[in-house]
Amino acid sequence: MFLQIDISTIENIIFFNITCNCLCLKSDFLHSTRMSKLKNRTGTQIEKKLFSCQICKRAFSQEGNLNRHIRTHTGEKPYACDVCETSFTQKSNLKNHMRIHTGEKPYSCEVCGTSFPQISNLNIHMKTHTGEKPYSCHVCRNSFTHKSSLKDHMKLHTGEKSYACELCGICFAQKSVLVKHKRIHTGEKPYSCDVCGNSFTQSSNLKIHMNIHTGEKPYSCQVCGNSFNTKSNLNYHIKLHTGEKPFACEFCGNSFVQKSSLIKHKRIHTGEKPYSCEVCGNSFVEKSALLKHKRIHTREKSCL
């Protein structure tokens, strides 16, 4: 048996409602209007029409604002980018997105001249100059310049890791950390040194690398005055003064200043040789040993 539906009924169906997971009719979302008594600047009481959402009962002074709000329930995104086909609920969001493709950055910082594609980015940036951190963690009292950073930080306390890598399944608390992690799989190194051309997966690594070229050593030891180009090198050096060796081998009990030294040491116990020569197949415990070995093959080629 075939179900007969009037064509006017079909035209009345507009979307699959993501709020209630059901197919809805236009009539389900027809807004209601009501008159609200408000006071103007002079204190005179006036009546103003309000447009109410039938789903969550929120009221709006303009019908256009209500129509945009309804898209949060329907999931409708009528404004599509003709470059990458990403869709948006509002035309203004599409306009902001297009600046990614055009490179336009119309909002400039009056302090340092840095430009941004959106005014919200500029507002966040300005807090780096003012030092303002209005969003505080109620657990540890750390403060942040914007709300999204606080939200990500709170996951450290809750243990929530909502961003999963689809390639290896490892989960992360912050989306930015996931993006950096995925570069391990893709091999992407988007940050390049203008001096020597070396590339890096993270901008912070490039910044550290640049100290090699500039000779800058911003991290100083308060004990002996030695300076270092990275904070990690300073931390390693300080342990030479304290005698601290926090990384212990579970096989023999030997302790090490650096975690990397412990990892190399454990290969004595496990027999692991992760560095293989692609020419003859010999394997080595350390990368430096492999590099020395490869010189045998380069000498052989030069003798031919």
C-alpha atoms as a PDB file:
ATOM      1  CA  MET A   1       0.000   0.000   0.000  1.00  0.00           C
ATOM      2  CA  PHE A   2       1.320   3.439  -0.951  1.00  0.00           C
ATOM      3  CA  LEU A   3       0.937   6.366   1.429  1.00  0.00           C
ATOM      4  CA  GLN A   4      -0.678   9.311  -0.316  1.00  0.00           C
ATOM      5  CA  ILE A   5       0.604  12.703   0.816  1.00  0.00           C
ATOM      6  CA  ASP A   6      -0.717  16.015  -0.415  1.00  0.00           C
ATOM      7  CA  ILE A   7       1.978  18.021  -2.265  1.00  0.00           C
ATOM      8  CA  SER A   8       1.337  21.023  -0.033  1.00  0.00           C
ATOM      9  CA  THR A   9       2.301  18.851   2.960  1.00  0.00           C
ATOM     10  CA  ILE A  10       5.614  17.872   1.311  1.00  0.00           C
ATOM     11  CA  GLU A  11       6.457  21.502   0.609  1.00  0.00           C
ATOM     12  CA  ASN A  12       5.730  22.250   4.263  1.00  0.00           C
ATOM     13  CA  ILE A  13       8.552  19.845   5.395  1.00  0.00           C
ATOM     14  CA  ILE A  14      11.758  21.836   5.680  1.00  0.00           C
ATOM     15  CA  PHE A  15      14.314  20.058   7.857  1.00  0.00           C
ATOM     16  CA  PHE A  16      15.365  17.302  10.178  1.00  0.00           C
ATOM     17  CA  ASN A  17      15.300  18.955  13.605  1.00  0.00           C
ATOM     18  CA  ILE A  18      18.669  18.237  15.301  1.00  0.00           C
ATOM     19  CA  THR A  19      17.255  19.325  18.676  1.00  0.00           C
ATOM     20  CA  CYS A  20      14.665  16.536  18.909  1.00  0.00           C
ATOM     21  CA  ASN A  21      15.981  14.221  16.123  1.00  0.00           C
ATOM     22  CA  CYS A  22      12.725  14.273  14.201  1.00  0.00           C
ATOM     23  CA  LEU A  23      11.336  15.570  10.907  1.00  0.00           C
ATOM     24  CA  CYS A  24       9.568  18.899  11.449  1.00  0.00           C
ATOM     25  CA  LEU A  25       7.138  21.087   9.535  1.00  0.00           C
ATOM     26  CA  LYS A  26       7.360  24.767   8.877  1.00  0.00           C
ATOM     27  CA  SER A  27       4.267  25.208  10.981  1.00  0.00           C
ATOM     28  CA  ASP A  28       6.141  23.721  13.948  1.00  0.00           C
ATOM     29  CA  PHE A  29       8.525  26.670  13.892  1.00  0.00           C
ATOM     30  CA  LEU A  30       6.158  29.516  13.114  1.00  0.00           C
ATOM     31  CA  HIS A  31       7.008  32.048  15.744  1.00  0.00           C
ATOM     32  CA  SER A  32       4.573  33.601  18.111  1.00  0.00           C
ATOM     33  CA  THR A  33       4.494  37.304  18.808  1.00  0.00           C
ATOM     34  CA  ARG A  34       3.605  39.022  21.991  1.00  0.00           C
ATOM     35  CA  MET A  35       3.437  42.612  23.173  1.00  0.00           C
ATOM     36  CA  SER A  36       5.827  43.559  25.939  1.00  0.00           C
ATOM     37  CA  LYS A  37       5.528  46.711  28.020  1.00  0.00           C
ATOM     38  CA  LEU A  38       8.861  48.542  28.095  1.00  0.00           C
ATOM     39  CA  LYS A  39      10.009  51.971  29.217  1.00  0.00           C
ATOM     40  CA  ASN A  40      11.798  54.329  26.853  1.00  0.00           C
ATOM     41  CA  ARG A  41      14.512  56.818  27.855  1.00  0.00           C
ATOM     42  CA  THR A  42      11.977  59.351  29.058  1.00  0.00           C
ATOM     43  CA  GLY A  43      10.384  56.776  31.337  1.00  0.00           C
ATOM     44  CA  THR A  44       7.226  56.604  29.247  1.00  0.00           C
ATOM     45  CA  GLN A  45       5.780  53.099  29.046  1.00  0.00           C
ATOM     46  CA  ILE A  46       5.567  51.773  25.481  1.00  0.00           C
ATOM     47  CA  GLU A  47       4.508  48.501  23.896  1.00  0.00           C
ATOM     48  CA  LYS A  48       6.986  46.580  21.747  1.00  0.00           C
ATOM     49  CA  LYS A  49       6.386  43.441  19.696  1.00  0.00           C
ATOM     50  CA  LEU A  50       8.643  40.473  20.585  1.00  0.00           C
ATOM     51  CA  PHE A  51       9.231  37.409  18.402  1.00  0.00           C
ATOM     52  CA  SER A  52       9.440  34.164  20.374  1.00  0.00           C
ATOM     53  CA  CYS A  53      11.067  30.856  19.445  1.00  0.00           C
ATOM     54  CA  GLN A  54       8.583  28.004  19.854  1.00  0.00           C
ATOM     55  CA  ILE A  55      11.358  25.544  20.737  1.00  0.00           C
ATOM     56  CA  CYS A  56      13.206  27.261  23.611  1.00  0.00           C
ATOM     57  CA  LYS A  57      10.893  30.277  24.170  1.00  0.00           C
ATOM     58  CA  ARG A  58      13.677  32.845  23.723  1.00  0.00           C
ATOM     59  CA  ALA A  59      12.317  36.209  22.607  1.00  0.00           C
ATOM     60  CA  PHE A  60      13.805  38.621  20.076  1.00  0.00           C
ATOM     61  CA  SER A  61      12.981  42.222  19.210  1.00  0.00           C
ATOM     62  CA  GLN A  62      13.539  41.627  15.481  1.00  0.00           C
ATOM     63  CA  GLU A  63      12.181  38.824  13.313  1.00  0.00           C
ATOM     64  CA  GLY A  64      15.515  38.500  11.478  1.00  0.00           C
ATOM     65  CA  ASN A  65      17.303  37.707  14.753  1.00  0.00           C
ATOM     66  CA  LEU A  66      14.729  35.014  15.494  1.00  0.00           C
ATOM     67  CA  ASN A  67      15.215  33.466  12.040  1.00  0.00           C
ATOM     68  CA  ARG A  68      18.986  33.270  12.625  1.00  0.00           C
ATOM     69  CA  HIS A  69      18.400  31.779  16.066  1.00  0.00           C
ATOM     70  CA  ILE A  70      16.100  29.048  14.709  1.00  0.00           C
ATOM     71  CA  ARG A  71      19.047  27.721  12.670  1.00  0.00           C
ATOM     72  CA  THR A  72      20.695  26.652  15.931  1.00  0.00           C
ATOM     73  CA  HIS A  73      17.809  24.191  16.313  1.00  0.00           C
ATOM     74  CA  THR A  74      17.503  23.126  12.676  1.00  0.00           C
ATOM     75  CA  GLY A  75      21.218  22.907  11.896  1.00  0.00           C
ATOM     76  CA  GLU A  76      20.601  24.851   8.678  1.00  0.00           C
ATOM     77  CA  LYS A  77      23.700  26.546   7.217  1.00  0.00           C
ATOM     78  CA  PRO A  78      22.576  28.407   4.092  1.00  0.00           C
ATOM     79  CA  TYR A  79      25.769  30.416   3.476  1.00  0.00           C
ATOM     80  CA  ALA A  80      28.441  28.305   1.761  1.00  0.00           C
ATOM     81  CA  CYS A  81      32.026  29.197   0.873  1.00  0.00           C
ATOM     82  CA  ASP A  82      32.584  28.792  -2.879  1.00  0.00           C
ATOM     83  CA  VAL A  83      36.280  27.986  -2.291  1.00  0.00           C
ATOM     84  CA  CYS A  84      36.178  25.166   0.294  1.00  0.00           C
ATOM     85  CA  GLU A  85      32.379  24.603   0.608  1.00  0.00           C
ATOM     86  CA  THR A  86      32.318  25.171   4.373  1.00  0.00           C
ATOM     87  CA  SER A  87      28.840  26.347   5.387  1.00  0.00           C
ATOM     88  CA  PHE A  88      27.698  28.876   7.966  1.00  0.00           C
ATOM     89  CA  THR A  89      24.486  29.886   9.707  1.00  0.00           C
ATOM     90  CA  GLN A  90      25.086  33.611   9.186  1.00  0.00           C
ATOM     91  CA  LYS A  91      26.308  35.664   6.256  1.00  0.00           C
ATOM     92  CA  SER A  92      28.674  37.627   8.533  1.00  0.00           C
ATOM     93  CA  ASN A  93      30.410  34.376   9.557  1.00  0.00           C
ATOM     94  CA  LEU A  94      30.950  33.496   5.896  1.00  0.00           C
ATOM     95  CA  LYS A  95      32.405  36.973   5.297  1.00  0.00           C
ATOM     96  CA  ASN A  96      34.880  36.474   8.166  1.00  0.00           C
ATOM     97  CA  HIS A  97      35.760  32.994   6.882  1.00  0.00           C
ATOM     98  CA  MET A  98      36.533  34.257   3.372  1.00  0.00           C
ATOM     99  CA  ARG A  99      39.449  36.255   4.830  1.00  0.00           C
ATOM    100  CA  ILE A 100      41.242  32.948   5.405  1.00  0.00           C
ATOM    101  CA  HIS A 101      41.328  32.498   1.622  1.00  0.00           C
ATOM    102  CA  THR A 102      41.960  36.141   0.696  1.00  0.00           C
ATOM    103  CA  GLY A 103      44.498  36.812   3.453  1.00  0.00           C
ATOM    104  CA  GLU A 104      42.701  40.049   4.331  1.00  0.00           C
ATOM    105  CA  LYS A 105      43.412  41.320   7.874  1.00  0.00           C
ATOM    106  CA  PRO A 106      41.533  44.608   8.309  1.00  0.00           C
ATOM    107  CA  TYR A 107      41.877  44.915  12.102  1.00  0.00           C
ATOM    108  CA  SER A 108      45.250  46.236  13.282  1.00  0.00           C
ATOM    109  CA  CYS A 109      46.730  46.583  16.765  1.00  0.00           C
ATOM    110  CA  GLU A 110      47.583  50.224  17.534  1.00  0.00           C
ATOM    111  CA  VAL A 111      50.359  49.118  19.905  1.00  0.00           C
ATOM    112  CA  CYS A 112      52.438  46.709  17.789  1.00  0.00           C
ATOM    113  CA  GLY A 113      50.836  46.870  14.342  1.00  0.00           C
ATOM    114  CA  THR A 114      49.880  43.179  14.147  1.00  0.00           C
ATOM    115  CA  SER A 115      46.811  42.639  11.942  1.00  0.00           C
ATOM    116  CA  PHE A 116      43.931  40.195  12.316  1.00  0.00           C
ATOM    117  CA  PRO A 117      41.073  38.933  10.118  1.00  0.00           C
ATOM    118  CA  GLN A 118      38.442  39.382  12.846  1.00  0.00           C
ATOM    119  CA  ILE A 119      37.890  42.035  15.486  1.00  0.00           C
ATOM    120  CA  SER A 120      37.428  39.299  18.107  1.00  0.00           C
ATOM    121  CA  ASN A 121      41.013  38.137  17.379  1.00  0.00           C
ATOM    122  CA  LEU A 122      42.238  41.698  17.863  1.00  0.00           C
ATOM    123  CA  ASN A 123      40.377  42.015  21.184  1.00  0.00           C
ATOM    124  CA  ILE A 124      42.025  38.808  22.438  1.00  0.00           C
ATOM    125  CA  HIS A 125      45.432  40.010  21.239  1.00  0.00           C
ATOM    126  CA  MET A 126      45.089  43.363  23.038  1.00  0.00           C
ATOM    127  CA  LYS A 127      45.054  41.501  26.356  1.00  0.00           C
ATOM    128  CA  THR A 128      48.669  40.467  25.732  1.00  0.00           C
ATOM    129  CA  HIS A 129      49.560  44.175  25.969  1.00  0.00           C
ATOM    130  CA  THR A 130      47.295  45.006  28.915  1.00  0.00           C
ATOM    131  CA  GLY A 131      48.061  41.779  30.791  1.00  0.00           C
ATOM    132  CA  GLU A 132      44.347  41.330  31.383  1.00  0.00           C
ATOM    133  CA  LYS A 133      43.284  37.770  32.226  1.00  0.00           C
ATOM    134  CA  PRO A 134      39.603  37.949  33.167  1.00  0.00           C
ATOM    135  CA  TYR A 135      38.868  34.200  33.147  1.00  0.00           C
ATOM    136  CA  SER A 136      40.012  32.386  36.307  1.00  0.00           C
ATOM    137  CA  CYS A 137      40.031  28.688  37.181  1.00  0.00           C
ATOM    138  CA  HIS A 138      38.140  28.093  40.439  1.00  0.00           C
ATOM    139  CA  VAL A 139      40.264  25.008  41.164  1.00  0.00           C
ATOM    140  CA  CYS A 140      43.853  26.286  40.882  1.00  0.00           C
ATOM    141  CA  ARG A 141      43.274  30.037  40.353  1.00  0.00           C
ATOM    142  CA  ASN A 142      45.178  30.165  37.042  1.00  0.00           C
ATOM    143  CA  SER A 143      43.915  32.998  34.857  1.00  0.00           C
ATOM    144  CA  PHE A 144      43.464  33.210  31.091  1.00  0.00           C
ATOM    145  CA  THR A 145      42.981  35.883  28.460  1.00  0.00           C
ATOM    146  CA  HIS A 146      39.951  34.272  26.855  1.00  0.00           C
ATOM    147  CA  LYS A 147      37.159  31.912  27.815  1.00  0.00           C
ATOM    148  CA  SER A 148      38.090  29.100  25.415  1.00  0.00           C
ATOM    149  CA  SER A 149      41.532  28.774  27.063  1.00  0.00           C
ATOM    150  CA  LEU A 150      39.889  28.421  30.468  1.00  0.00           C
ATOM    151  CA  LYS A 151      37.519  25.794  29.065  1.00  0.00           C
ATOM    152  CA  ASP A 152      40.458  23.766  27.703  1.00  0.00           C
ATOM    153  CA  HIS A 153      42.354  24.199  30.974  1.00  0.00           C
ATOM    154  CA  MET A 154      39.448  22.823  33.034  1.00  0.00           C
ATOM    155  CA  LYS A 155      39.834  19.502  31.216  1.00  0.00           C
ATOM    156  CA  LEU A 156      43.173  19.061  32.992  1.00  0.00           C
ATOM    157  CA  HIS A 157      41.236  18.925  36.261  1.00  0.00           C
ATOM    158  CA  THR A 158      38.333  16.808  34.999  1.00  0.00           C
ATOM    159  CA  GLY A 159      40.512  14.442  32.965  1.00  0.00           C
ATOM    160  CA  GLU A 160      38.266  14.921  29.944  1.00  0.00           C
ATOM    161  CA  LYS A 161      39.955  14.167  26.618  1.00  0.00           C
ATOM    162  CA  SER A 162      37.370  14.826  23.940  1.00  0.00           C
ATOM    163  CA  TYR A 163      39.667  15.189  20.909  1.00  0.00           C
ATOM    164  CA  ALA A 164      40.678  11.822  19.444  1.00  0.00           C
ATOM    165  CA  CYS A 165      43.199  11.147  16.685  1.00  0.00           C
ATOM    166  CA  GLU A 166      41.457   9.100  13.983  1.00  0.00           C
ATOM    167  CA  LEU A 167      44.775   7.579  12.933  1.00  0.00           C
ATOM    168  CA  CYS A 168      46.062   6.129  16.224  1.00  0.00           C
ATOM    169  CA  GLY A 169      43.214   6.660  18.707  1.00  0.00           C
ATOM    170  CA  ILE A 170      45.167   8.768  21.223  1.00  0.00           C
ATOM    171  CA  CYS A 171      42.905  11.341  22.904  1.00  0.00           C
ATOM    172  CA  PHE A 172      43.713  14.902  23.927  1.00  0.00           C
ATOM    173  CA  ALA A 173      42.133  17.534  26.151  1.00  0.00           C
ATOM    174  CA  GLN A 174      42.773  20.355  23.679  1.00  0.00           C
ATOM    175  CA  LYS A 175      42.083  20.532  19.959  1.00  0.00           C
ATOM    176  CA  SER A 176      45.311  22.488  19.357  1.00  0.00           C
ATOM    177  CA  VAL A 177      47.345  19.622  20.878  1.00  0.00           C
ATOM    178  CA  LEU A 178      45.565  17.151  18.587  1.00  0.00           C
ATOM    179  CA  VAL A 179      46.419  19.302  15.554  1.00  0.00           C
ATOM    180  CA  LYS A 180      50.108  19.287  16.571  1.00  0.00           C
ATOM    181  CA  HIS A 181      50.004  15.530  17.237  1.00  0.00           C
ATOM    182  CA  LYS A 182      48.596  14.717  13.803  1.00  0.00           C
ATOM    183  CA  ARG A 183      51.721  16.202  12.229  1.00  0.00           C
ATOM    184  CA  ILE A 184      53.583  13.143  13.537  1.00  0.00           C
ATOM    185  CA  HIS A 185      51.479  11.053  11.135  1.00  0.00           C
ATOM    186  CA  THR A 186      51.424  13.482   8.208  1.00  0.00           C
ATOM    187  CA  GLY A 187      55.045  14.644   8.513  1.00  0.00           C
ATOM    188  CA  GLU A 188      53.850  18.221   8.079  1.00  0.00           C
ATOM    189  CA  LYS A 189      56.317  20.887   9.262  1.00  0.00           C
ATOM    190  CA  PRO A 190      54.674  24.239   8.522  1.00  0.00           C
ATOM    191  CA  TYR A 191      57.142  26.469  10.376  1.00  0.00           C
ATOM    192  CA  SER A 192      60.335  27.149   8.378  1.00  0.00           C
ATOM    193  CA  CYS A 193      63.532  28.962   9.331  1.00  0.00           C
ATOM    194  CA  ASP A 194      64.282  31.875   6.980  1.00  0.00           C
ATOM    195  CA  VAL A 195      68.015  31.486   7.613  1.00  0.00           C
ATOM    196  CA  CYS A 196      68.761  27.789   7.020  1.00  0.00           C
ATOM    197  CA  GLY A 197      65.457  26.380   5.736  1.00  0.00           C
ATOM    198  CA  ASN A 198      64.939  23.859   8.567  1.00  0.00           C
ATOM    199  CA  SER A 199      61.256  23.162   9.211  1.00  0.00           C
ATOM    200  CA  PHE A 200      59.411  22.410  12.420  1.00  0.00           C
ATOM    201  CA  THR A 201      56.057  21.020  13.512  1.00  0.00           C
ATOM    202  CA  GLN A 202      55.492  23.775  16.091  1.00  0.00           C
ATOM    203  CA  SER A 203      56.111  27.524  16.092  1.00  0.00           C
ATOM    204  CA  SER A 204      57.667  27.249  19.577  1.00  0.00           C
ATOM    205  CA  ASN A 205      60.321  24.867  18.197  1.00  0.00           C
ATOM    206  CA  LEU A 206      61.145  27.330  15.426  1.00  0.00           C
ATOM    207  CA  LYS A 207      61.483  30.120  18.001  1.00  0.00           C
ATOM    208  CA  ILE A 208      63.922  27.992  20.026  1.00  0.00           C
ATOM    209  CA  HIS A 209      65.855  27.113  16.853  1.00  0.00           C
ATOM    210  CA  MET A 210      66.258  30.782  15.912  1.00  0.00           C
ATOM    211  CA  ASN A 211      68.350  31.266  19.073  1.00  0.00           C
ATOM    212  CA  ILE A 212      71.057  29.195  17.344  1.00  0.00           C
ATOM    213  CA  HIS A 213      71.346  31.825  14.603  1.00  0.00           C
ATOM    214  CA  THR A 214      70.976  34.875  16.836  1.00  0.00           C
ATOM    215  CA  GLY A 215      73.202  33.488  19.609  1.00  0.00           C
ATOM    216  CA  GLU A 216      70.565  34.516  22.127  1.00  0.00           C
ATOM    217  CA  LYS A 217      70.617  32.588  25.409  1.00  0.00           C
ATOM    218  CA  PRO A 218      67.703  33.916  27.449  1.00  0.00           C
ATOM    219  CA  TYR A 219      67.724  31.224  30.158  1.00  0.00           C
ATOM    220  CA  SER A 220      70.334  31.780  32.905  1.00  0.00           C
ATOM    221  CA  CYS A 221      71.393  29.548  35.789  1.00  0.00           C
ATOM    222  CA  GLN A 222      71.080  31.385  39.106  1.00  0.00           C
ATOM    223  CA  VAL A 223      73.790  29.180  40.645  1.00  0.00           C
ATOM    224  CA  CYS A 224      76.715  29.623  38.242  1.00  0.00           C
ATOM    225  CA  GLY A 225      75.479  32.215  35.739  1.00  0.00           C
ATOM    226  CA  ASN A 226      75.708  29.980  32.652  1.00  0.00           C
ATOM    227  CA  SER A 227      73.132  30.810  29.982  1.00  0.00           C
ATOM    228  CA  PHE A 228      71.228  28.518  27.626  1.00  0.00           C
ATOM    229  CA  ASN A 229      69.185  28.887  24.465  1.00  0.00           C
ATOM    230  CA  THR A 230      66.332  26.663  25.686  1.00  0.00           C
ATOM    231  CA  LYS A 231      64.574  26.228  29.012  1.00  0.00           C
ATOM    232  CA  SER A 232      64.942  22.439  28.783  1.00  0.00           C
ATOM    233  CA  ASN A 233      68.747  22.800  28.550  1.00  0.00           C
ATOM    234  CA  LEU A 234      68.689  25.004  31.623  1.00  0.00           C
ATOM    235  CA  ASN A 235      66.568  22.482  33.541  1.00  0.00           C
ATOM    236  CA  TYR A 236      69.023  19.736  32.594  1.00  0.00           C
ATOM    237  CA  HIS A 237      71.972  21.884  33.702  1.00  0.00           C
ATOM    238  CA  ILE A 238      70.384  22.693  37.087  1.00  0.00           C
ATOM    239  CA  LYS A 239      70.229  18.966  37.865  1.00  0.00           C
ATOM    240  CA  LEU A 240      74.024  18.872  37.598  1.00  0.00           C
ATOM    241  CA  HIS A 241      74.090  21.239  40.580  1.00  0.00           C
ATOM    242  CA  THR A 242      71.399  19.432  42.576  1.00  0.00           C
ATOM    243  CA  GLY A 243      72.543  15.910  41.661  1.00  0.00           C
ATOM    244  CA  GLU A 244      68.928  15.033  40.907  1.00  0.00           C
ATOM    245  CA  LYS A 245      68.390  11.973  38.693  1.00  0.00           C
ATOM    246  CA  PRO A 246      64.629  11.530  38.492  1.00  0.00           C
ATOM    247  CA  PHE A 247      64.531   8.895  35.740  1.00  0.00           C
ATOM    248  CA  ALA A 248      65.179   5.408  37.114  1.00  0.00           C
ATOM    249  CA  CYS A 249      65.527   2.137  35.185  1.00  0.00           C
ATOM    250  CA  GLU A 250      63.065  -0.507  36.426  1.00  0.00           C
ATOM    251  CA  PHE A 251      65.446  -3.288  35.339  1.00  0.00           C
ATOM    252  CA  CYS A 252      68.665  -2.356  37.152  1.00  0.00           C
ATOM    253  CA  GLY A 253      67.870   0.709  39.230  1.00  0.00           C
ATOM    254  CA  ASN A 254      70.312   3.058  37.490  1.00  0.00           C
ATOM    255  CA  SER A 255      69.087   6.661  37.456  1.00  0.00           C
ATOM    256  CA  PHE A 256      69.509   9.373  34.856  1.00  0.00           C
ATOM    257  CA  VAL A 257      69.223  13.133  34.607  1.00  0.00           C
ATOM    258  CA  GLN A 258      67.319  13.038  31.312  1.00  0.00           C
ATOM    259  CA  LYS A 259      64.451  10.849  30.176  1.00  0.00           C
ATOM    260  CA  SER A 260      66.115  10.401  26.764  1.00  0.00           C
ATOM    261  CA  SER A 261      69.187   8.909  28.503  1.00  0.00           C
ATOM    262  CA  LEU A 262      66.968   6.416  30.303  1.00  0.00           C
ATOM    263  CA  ILE A 263      65.276   5.404  27.035  1.00  0.00           C
ATOM    264  CA  LYS A 264      68.679   4.730  25.403  1.00  0.00           C
ATOM    265  CA  HIS A 265      69.872   2.818  28.473  1.00  0.00           C
ATOM    266  CA  LYS A 266      66.833   0.508  28.570  1.00  0.00           C
ATOM    267  CA  ARG A 267      67.716  -0.766  25.095  1.00  0.00           C
ATOM    268  CA  ILE A 268      70.651  -2.591  26.745  1.00  0.00           C
ATOM    269  CA  HIS A 269      68.069  -4.662  28.624  1.00  0.00           C
ATOM    270  CA  THR A 270      65.485  -5.023  25.865  1.00  0.00           C
ATOM    271  CA  GLY A 271      67.917  -5.512  22.971  1.00  0.00           C
ATOM    272  CA  GLU A 272      65.946  -2.997  20.933  1.00  0.00           C
ATOM    273  CA  LYS A 273      67.807  -1.484  17.965  1.00  0.00           C
ATOM    274  CA  PRO A 274      65.417   0.994  16.372  1.00  0.00           C
ATOM    275  CA  TYR A 275      67.825   2.572  13.874  1.00  0.00           C
ATOM    276  CA  SER A 276      68.300   0.473  10.727  1.00  0.00           C
ATOM    277  CA  CYS A 277      70.582   0.996   7.756  1.00  0.00           C
ATOM    278  CA  GLU A 278      68.577   0.990   4.521  1.00  0.00           C
ATOM    279  CA  VAL A 279      71.650  -0.193   2.581  1.00  0.00           C
ATOM    280  CA  CYS A 280      72.725  -3.344   4.465  1.00  0.00           C
ATOM    281  CA  GLY A 281      69.998  -3.784   7.087  1.00  0.00           C
ATOM    282  CA  ASN A 282      72.261  -3.522  10.154  1.00  0.00           C
ATOM    283  CA  SER A 283      70.492  -2.081  13.212  1.00  0.00           C
ATOM    284  CA  PHE A 284      71.778   0.145  15.986  1.00  0.00           C
ATOM    285  CA  VAL A 285      70.803   1.251  19.490  1.00  0.00           C
ATOM    286  CA  GLU A 286      71.504   4.935  18.859  1.00  0.00           C
ATOM    287  CA  LYS A 287      71.001   7.194  15.862  1.00  0.00           C
ATOM    288  CA  SER A 288      74.586   8.505  16.153  1.00  0.00           C
ATOM    289  CA  ALA A 289      75.901   4.942  15.708  1.00  0.00           C
ATOM    290  CA  LEU A 290      73.826   4.562  12.543  1.00  0.00           C
ATOM    291  CA  LEU A 291      75.196   7.817  11.122  1.00  0.00           C
ATOM    292  CA  LYS A 292      78.781   6.656  11.745  1.00  0.00           C
ATOM    293  CA  HIS A 293      77.999   3.322  10.116  1.00  0.00           C
ATOM    294  CA  LYS A 294      76.599   4.969   6.995  1.00  0.00           C
ATOM    295  CA  ARG A 295      79.985   6.532   6.296  1.00  0.00           C
ATOM    296  CA  ILE A 296      81.235   3.033   5.460  1.00  0.00           C
ATOM    297  CA  HIS A 297      78.820   2.910   2.522  1.00  0.00           C
ATOM    298  CA  THR A 298      79.626   6.446   1.352  1.00  0.00           C
ATOM    299  CA  ARG A 299      83.356   5.585   1.335  1.00  0.00           C
ATOM    300  CA  GLU A 300      82.635   2.433  -0.665  1.00  0.00           C
ATOM    301  CA  LYS A 301      80.793   4.481  -3.296  1.00  0.00           C
ATOM    302  CA  SER A 302      83.628   7.006  -3.561  1.00  0.00           C
ATOM    303  CA  CYS A 303      86.126   4.175  -4.185  1.00  0.00           C
ATOM    304  CA  LEU A 304      84.135   2.762  -7.110  1.00  0.00           C
END
